[in-house]
Amino acid sequence: MKRQQIIYELLEAEGKIKKSINCYYAKSRAWPTHKKRETAKTFK
């Protein structure tokens, strides 16, 4: 039971990371360069 819980939490965390990366890429295409740098800092 515990192992399944841990795996589920890891998958959930991975999903959130992927969403934030997708969000960052969507913004990076549309935003000016100086905004891209600011956004990149928040994702590190």
Protein backbone atom coordinates (compact mmCIF):
# COMPACT_ATOMS: atom_id res chain seq x y z
CA MET A 1 0.00 0.00 0.00
CA LYS A 2 2.75 2.44 0.95
CA ARG A 3 4.70 1.72 -2.22
CA GLN A 4 1.65 2.47 -4.39
CA GLN A 5 1.11 5.73 -2.50
CA ILE A 6 4.72 6.81 -3.14
CA ILE A 7 4.52 5.89 -6.83
CA TYR A 8 1.25 7.80 -7.17
CA GLU A 9 2.76 10.88 -5.50
CA LEU A 10 5.81 10.73 -7.78
CA LEU A 11 3.60 10.48 -10.87
CA GLU A 12 1.46 13.36 -9.62
CA ALA A 13 4.56 15.49 -9.01
CA GLU A 14 5.89 14.61 -12.47
CA GLY A 15 2.55 15.63 -14.00
CA LYS A 16 2.73 19.00 -12.26
CA ILE A 17 6.30 19.51 -13.47
CA LYS A 18 5.27 18.71 -17.06
CA LYS A 19 2.36 21.16 -16.82
CA SER A 20 4.65 23.92 -15.55
CA ILE A 21 7.20 23.21 -18.31
CA ASN A 22 4.45 23.33 -20.95
CA CYS A 23 3.19 26.58 -19.44
CA TYR A 24 6.74 27.99 -19.52
CA TYR A 25 7.23 27.04 -23.17
CA ALA A 26 3.88 28.55 -24.13
CA LYS A 27 4.88 31.79 -22.41
CA SER A 28 8.41 31.77 -23.81
CA ARG A 29 7.07 31.77 -27.38
CA ALA A 30 4.75 34.72 -26.77
CA TRP A 31 6.69 36.85 -24.30
CA PRO A 32 9.51 39.35 -24.97
CA THR A 33 13.06 38.26 -24.16
CA HIS A 34 13.42 40.11 -20.83
CA LYS A 35 10.17 38.52 -19.61
CA LYS A 36 11.49 35.10 -20.68
CA ARG A 37 14.52 35.58 -18.44
CA GLU A 38 12.30 36.54 -15.49
CA THR A 39 10.10 33.49 -16.09
CA ALA A 40 13.15 31.22 -16.39
CA LYS A 41 14.37 32.42 -12.97
CA THR A 42 11.07 31.49 -11.33
CA PHE A 43 11.26 27.96 -12.78
CA LYS A 44 14.77 27.22 -11.47
